[in-house]
Protein backbone atom coordinates (compact mmCIF):
# COMPACT_ATOMS: atom_id res chain seq x y z
CA MET A 1 0.00 0.00 0.00
CA THR A 2 1.28 3.47 -0.84
CA PHE A 3 1.90 6.09 1.81
CA THR A 4 -0.95 8.20 0.45
CA LYS A 5 -3.41 5.33 0.77
CA MET A 6 -2.12 4.40 4.23
CA LEU A 7 -2.60 7.97 5.38
CA ALA A 8 -6.13 8.19 3.97
CA ALA A 9 -7.03 4.92 5.69
CA ALA A 10 -5.61 6.10 9.03
CA TRP A 11 -7.50 9.41 8.80
CA LYS A 12 -10.73 7.46 8.41
CA LYS A 13 -10.10 4.55 10.78
CA ASN A 14 -9.01 6.66 13.75
CA ASP A 15 -11.07 9.76 12.89
CA SER A 16 -7.87 11.69 13.44
CA LEU A 17 -5.61 14.30 11.87
CA LEU A 18 -3.12 14.06 14.75
CA CYS A 19 0.48 13.05 14.11
CA VAL A 20 2.59 12.27 17.19
CA GLY A 21 6.21 13.32 16.83
CA LEU A 22 8.67 10.98 18.51
CA ASP A 23 11.49 13.22 19.79
CA PRO A 24 13.00 11.17 22.63
CA ASP A 25 15.10 13.10 25.15
CA PRO A 26 16.44 10.67 27.77
CA ALA A 27 16.89 13.49 30.29
CA LYS A 28 13.10 13.81 30.39
CA PHE A 29 12.31 10.10 30.70
CA PRO A 30 10.65 8.67 33.82
CA GLU A 31 13.24 7.35 36.26
CA HIS A 32 12.26 3.69 35.83
CA LEU A 33 13.34 3.79 32.16
CA LYS A 34 16.68 5.53 32.52
CA CYS A 35 18.57 2.40 33.55
CA ARG A 36 17.58 0.48 30.42
CA ASP A 37 20.06 0.07 27.58
CA ASP A 38 17.16 0.42 25.16
CA ALA A 39 15.44 3.25 27.03
CA ILE A 40 14.83 5.28 23.87
CA PHE A 41 13.10 2.38 22.16
CA GLY A 42 11.16 1.49 25.29
CA PHE A 43 9.92 5.04 25.86
CA CYS A 44 8.85 5.57 22.26
CA ALA A 45 7.27 2.13 21.85
CA ASP A 46 5.20 2.69 25.00
CA ILE A 47 4.01 6.06 23.68
CA VAL A 48 3.13 4.47 20.34
CA ASP A 49 1.17 1.63 21.94
CA ALA A 50 -0.74 4.07 24.15
CA THR A 51 -1.78 6.40 21.33
CA ALA A 52 -1.90 4.39 18.09
CA ASP A 53 -5.69 4.34 17.90
CA LEU A 54 -5.84 8.14 18.26
CA VAL A 55 -3.48 9.26 15.48
CA CYS A 56 -3.03 9.26 11.72
CA SER A 57 0.77 8.86 11.77
CA PHE A 58 3.94 8.80 13.84
CA LYS A 59 6.97 10.96 13.09
CA PRO A 60 10.29 9.90 14.66
CA GLN A 61 12.90 12.66 14.42
CA ILE A 62 16.19 11.03 13.46
CA ALA A 63 18.43 13.54 15.28
CA TYR A 64 17.08 12.48 18.67
CA PHE A 65 18.17 8.91 17.96
CA ALA A 66 21.46 9.62 16.21
CA ALA A 67 22.64 12.00 18.96
CA HIS A 68 22.52 9.07 21.40
CA ARG A 69 23.92 6.49 18.97
CA ALA A 70 20.48 4.86 18.99
CA GLU A 71 19.91 4.32 15.28
CA ASP A 72 19.42 0.61 16.00
CA GLN A 73 16.62 1.56 18.39
CA LEU A 74 15.05 3.68 15.64
CA GLU A 75 15.08 0.68 13.32
CA ALA A 76 13.52 -1.44 16.06
CA LEU A 77 10.88 1.22 16.76
CA ILE A 78 9.72 1.48 13.16
CA ALA A 79 9.62 -2.32 12.93
CA HIS A 80 7.57 -2.34 16.14
CA ILE A 81 5.05 0.11 14.69
CA HIS A 82 4.68 -1.85 11.46
CA GLN A 83 4.30 -5.16 13.27
CA ASN A 84 2.00 -4.09 16.08
CA HIS A 85 0.03 -1.34 14.35
CA PRO A 86 -0.12 -2.42 10.69
CA GLY A 87 -1.21 0.29 8.30
CA MET A 88 -0.05 3.13 10.55
CA PRO A 89 2.18 5.47 8.49
CA VAL A 90 5.65 6.25 9.82
CA ILE A 91 7.30 9.50 8.70
CA LEU A 92 11.05 9.71 9.17
CA ASP A 93 11.73 13.33 9.99
CA ALA A 94 15.22 13.71 8.54
CA LYS A 95 14.99 16.87 6.39
CA ARG A 96 17.60 15.50 4.03
CA GLY A 97 18.79 17.70 1.18
CA ASP A 98 21.59 16.80 -1.22
CA ILE A 99 22.15 15.90 -4.85
CA GLY A 100 23.15 12.95 -7.01
CA SER A 101 24.55 9.81 -5.47
CA THR A 102 24.44 11.28 -1.95
CA ALA A 103 20.68 11.84 -2.19
CA GLU A 104 20.35 8.27 -3.46
CA GLN A 105 22.08 7.02 -0.31
CA TYR A 106 19.82 9.10 1.91
CA ALA A 107 16.80 7.60 0.14
CA ILE A 108 18.18 4.11 0.75
CA GLU A 109 18.70 5.03 4.40
CA ALA A 110 15.11 6.21 4.85
CA PHE A 111 13.25 3.60 2.86
CA GLU A 112 15.44 0.49 2.88
CA ARG A 113 17.37 0.71 6.15
CA TYR A 114 14.70 2.27 8.38
CA LYS A 115 11.73 1.18 6.23
CA ALA A 116 9.90 4.45 6.79
CA ASP A 117 6.73 5.07 4.82
CA ALA A 118 7.67 8.70 4.17
CA VAL A 119 10.57 11.07 4.73
CA THR A 120 10.92 14.83 5.09
CA VAL A 121 13.16 16.40 2.45
CA ASN A 122 14.63 19.88 1.96
CA PRO A 123 13.85 20.85 -1.66
CA TYR A 124 15.90 24.02 -1.85
CA MET A 125 18.60 22.39 -4.01
CA GLY A 126 16.02 21.76 -6.72
CA ARG A 127 14.34 18.89 -8.53
CA ASP A 128 17.42 16.68 -8.88
CA SER A 129 17.83 16.66 -5.09
CA VAL A 130 14.28 15.28 -4.74
CA ASN A 131 14.27 12.76 -7.60
CA PRO A 132 16.03 9.91 -5.71
CA TYR A 133 13.20 9.87 -3.17
CA LEU A 134 10.52 10.09 -5.85
CA ALA A 135 11.98 6.94 -7.41
CA TYR A 136 10.30 5.03 -4.56
CA ALA A 137 6.82 5.47 -5.98
CA ASP A 138 5.00 3.88 -3.03
CA LYS A 139 6.69 6.12 -0.46
CA GLY A 140 5.79 9.60 0.72
CA VAL A 141 8.11 12.54 0.08
CA ILE A 142 7.29 15.49 2.34
CA LEU A 143 8.96 18.69 1.21
CA LEU A 144 9.74 21.67 3.44
CA CYS A 145 7.62 24.56 2.22
CA ARG A 146 6.72 27.15 4.88
CA THR A 147 8.44 26.05 8.06
CA SER A 148 7.26 26.87 11.60
CA ASN A 149 10.43 28.66 12.77
CA PRO A 150 10.55 32.49 12.68
CA GLY A 151 13.75 32.47 10.63
CA GLY A 152 12.03 30.63 7.80
CA SER A 153 10.91 34.01 6.49
CA ASP A 154 14.54 34.97 5.77
CA LEU A 155 14.42 32.89 2.59
CA GLN A 156 10.92 31.50 2.15
CA PHE A 157 9.38 34.97 1.74
CA LEU A 158 11.80 36.11 -0.96
CA ASP A 159 10.15 37.32 -4.16
CA VAL A 160 10.75 35.02 -7.13
CA GLY A 161 9.11 36.37 -10.25
CA GLY A 162 6.06 37.82 -8.51
CA GLU A 163 5.46 35.09 -5.93
CA LYS A 164 7.10 34.14 -2.67
CA LEU A 165 9.65 31.34 -2.68
CA TYR A 166 7.48 29.07 -0.51
CA GLU A 167 4.62 29.56 -2.98
CA ARG A 168 6.91 28.51 -5.85
CA VAL A 169 7.90 25.38 -3.91
CA ALA A 170 4.23 24.58 -3.32
CA ARG A 171 3.38 25.04 -6.98
CA LEU A 172 6.25 22.87 -8.23
CA ALA A 173 5.55 20.18 -5.65
CA ALA A 174 1.86 19.94 -6.44
CA ASN A 175 2.28 19.90 -10.21
CA GLU A 176 5.32 19.03 -12.29
CA TRP A 177 7.29 17.31 -9.51
CA ASN A 178 4.36 15.22 -8.26
CA SER A 179 4.12 12.75 -11.13
CA ASN A 180 3.41 9.79 -8.82
CA GLY A 181 1.06 11.67 -6.49
CA GLN A 182 3.36 10.98 -3.53
CA ILE A 183 4.42 14.47 -2.46
CA SER A 184 3.22 16.24 0.68
CA LEU A 185 4.37 19.56 2.13
CA VAL A 186 5.47 20.89 5.53
CA VAL A 187 3.68 24.09 6.53
CA GLY A 188 3.96 25.38 10.09
CA ALA A 189 0.94 25.90 12.35
CA THR A 190 2.50 29.16 13.51
CA PHE A 191 1.57 30.70 10.13
CA PRO A 192 -2.13 29.95 9.43
CA ALA A 193 -2.37 32.52 6.64
CA GLU A 194 0.40 30.72 4.79
CA ILE A 195 -1.30 27.36 5.42
CA ALA A 196 -4.39 28.75 3.70
CA ARG A 197 -2.29 30.08 0.82
CA VAL A 198 -0.53 26.74 0.33
CA ARG A 199 -3.87 24.90 0.43
CA GLN A 200 -5.16 27.26 -2.26
CA ILE A 201 -2.17 26.43 -4.47
CA VAL A 202 -1.93 22.66 -3.97
CA GLY A 203 -5.54 21.48 -3.78
CA ASP A 204 -5.85 18.22 -1.86
CA VAL A 205 -2.11 17.52 -1.43
CA PRO A 206 -1.54 16.44 2.21
CA LEU A 207 0.12 18.91 4.56
CA LEU A 208 2.30 18.01 7.54
CA VAL A 209 1.76 20.80 10.05
CA PRO A 210 4.16 21.09 13.01
CA GLY A 211 3.89 23.81 15.61
CA ILE A 212 0.87 23.13 17.83
CA GLY A 213 1.41 22.17 21.46
CA ALA A 214 4.76 23.35 22.81
CA GLN A 215 5.36 25.70 19.85
CA GLY A 216 2.06 27.50 20.43
CA GLY A 217 0.30 27.10 17.08
CA ASP A 218 -3.47 27.59 17.20
CA ILE A 219 -5.50 24.45 16.50
CA GLU A 220 -8.65 26.20 15.29
CA ALA A 221 -6.75 28.46 12.91
CA THR A 222 -4.68 25.55 11.61
CA VAL A 223 -7.67 23.34 10.88
CA LYS A 224 -9.76 26.07 9.26
CA ALA A 225 -6.83 27.16 7.09
CA GLY A 226 -5.62 23.74 6.03
CA CYS A 227 -8.42 21.18 5.90
CA THR A 228 -9.62 19.98 2.54
CA ALA A 229 -13.31 20.15 1.61
CA ASN A 230 -13.93 16.69 3.08
CA GLY A 231 -12.33 17.56 6.43
CA GLY A 232 -9.01 15.82 5.80
CA GLY A 233 -5.70 16.65 4.22
CA LEU A 234 -3.69 17.37 7.37
CA MET A 235 -1.16 15.65 9.61
CA ILE A 236 -1.08 18.02 12.58
CA ASN A 237 2.00 17.20 14.62
CA SER A 238 2.41 17.44 18.36
CA SER A 239 5.54 16.08 20.07
CA ARG A 240 6.68 17.36 23.47
CA ALA A 241 3.21 18.20 24.80
CA ILE A 242 2.22 14.55 24.42
CA LEU A 243 5.53 12.78 25.07
CA TYR A 244 6.28 14.52 28.36
CA ALA A 245 2.75 15.00 29.71
CA GLY A 246 3.59 12.52 32.48
CA LYS A 247 6.74 12.20 34.60
CA ASP A 248 6.33 8.87 36.40
CA GLU A 249 5.59 5.23 35.63
CA ARG A 250 2.11 6.20 34.43
CA PHE A 251 3.52 8.46 31.72
CA THR A 252 1.64 6.61 29.00
CA VAL A 253 -1.69 7.35 30.68
CA ALA A 254 -0.92 11.06 30.61
CA ALA A 255 0.35 10.86 27.03
CA ARG A 256 -2.84 9.13 25.91
CA ARG A 257 -5.00 11.69 27.70
CA VAL A 258 -3.27 14.63 26.01
CA ALA A 259 -3.30 12.88 22.62
CA GLN A 260 -7.03 12.26 22.91
CA GLU A 261 -7.68 15.83 24.01
CA THR A 262 -5.63 17.11 21.06
CA ARG A 263 -7.36 14.85 18.54
CA ASP A 264 -10.76 15.88 19.86
CA ALA A 265 -9.83 19.57 19.80
CA ILE A 266 -8.78 19.22 16.17
CA ASN A 267 -12.01 17.41 15.32
CA LEU A 268 -14.11 20.24 16.75
CA TYR A 269 -13.15 22.40 13.80
CA ARG A 270 -13.13 19.89 10.93
């Protein structure tokens, strides 16, 4: 099954546009996990198992694993999700961006080593930097478009022939680059007006929207700006607010509660 079909099925099955970002910081783990050699895997797998029926996708951020030499635990985590929650899309948040044979290796890393269903990619080196990922026609390729950080405006708002650079990225991604229908875009919840503008440009192309929760993005504004006509089209990511809702051995109970509250808050405005 393609990433696009997996995502559509998860939207419907779980009645959810919520994506849980898996950004494991061992310093914030409950004490009972800190002595485990596989603490990162254990923490993330427990979060996944507690919230899998409430979300449309999971998004492990590779830097949080690589910084602790835990790439093997990332592999194990994605395998755990696929085995225990079949059909649940896994997005590897790697933001890779390079050309030629290097980009080919990054695509192998994401799709063959980690077996992710989709990967985030920086498109600002142009079409040939994206092509190696597009060669995996069943996988999702999620391009940075209008990012949630304030500094994104330094480049993404530059005028390029009468439109802003992020608008040009959206137009290319939705049309001539998207020959297999596998591209999605990252648009930050901190900029609802730009979410609405990207939605206007790209039609029903899925949008990955970080920035609610700890980053302060507004759920109502995000949903109203980004939903498609049928109430879908979004993967609204929350990470820290869910992961670290609890501090003790019952951390998964707290994580589930916040995930359910977030999903339900999103659904109020669909």
